[in-house]
């Protein structure tokens, strides 16, 4: 019976009606990237046809959120300088950023903070394309938003259970739904046809031992979630700070000095991104058209 109910919730979350789909431009770009005859200029032109998305992308790429050393003024330059995978991650971030900001400001702040921590750690560890890990950090709690929007009655039950018994949101989700937001987020990311580099860290961010291919990224998101909760930046739905996974800690292998330096970098970046929004004005769109 429990399994039947779980499958019903799974079906409801997979048929998301209230969450928007990612722009079709991502699927188009992925197909173009497989063609060796397609140039970066051609890919840049496809993105530039969407003026609003282009303006948001350039605003994001030049923000303190990512902190690229040089100013990037065109989509083609972004692809040449950063590579296609990074630009694709930025498009996903820009698309989801706005949805989360509009639906749940405190959860969005927590996710933004987690993305900042993930970027600092991934860069420190020399991960190739740390922006992909940032994107995974940004969307790691997307399952909470899906449950809130698609299963409102169960979401109320989860909140009531947390309040009455003082348990974590994840524990309450398991009792009410038989699944947690990490699993729901993984389904959602899979439904959006996002790469495994994003799906697995979202699914395994509470237990990186479950990751098969992305153990490092999953460990970074796990640590980033715990660190930003500890710093009290945003609100992830409850005030419980999860236990740090021993496996993740061994994987990251940080010294006390590393932790001190990471804290300092994160605090500085959080200050820089405070109040950051992807809301754009007409002038920014005109600049993109020029």
Foldseek 3Di string as FASTA:
>chain_A
DLVVLLVVVLVLLLPQDPDDAQDPLLVVLVVLVVDPVRDLVNNQVSQLVPLLLFLLLLCVVQALLQPDPDRDQGSSSCCVVQNDVLSSLSSLCSRVLQVCCVQAVLQQQLLSLLLSLQLLLCVVVVPRNSSLLSSLSNLLQVLLVSCCRRVVVLNVQLLVCCVVPVDDSQVSCCVSNVHGSLCSSLSVCVSSVHDPLNSQLSNQLCPLVPGDPNSQSVLSSVVSSLVSLVVVGGDNSDSDRHDRDPVSCVVSVDDPVRVVVSVVSSVVSSVRCVVPDSDDDPVSSVSSVD
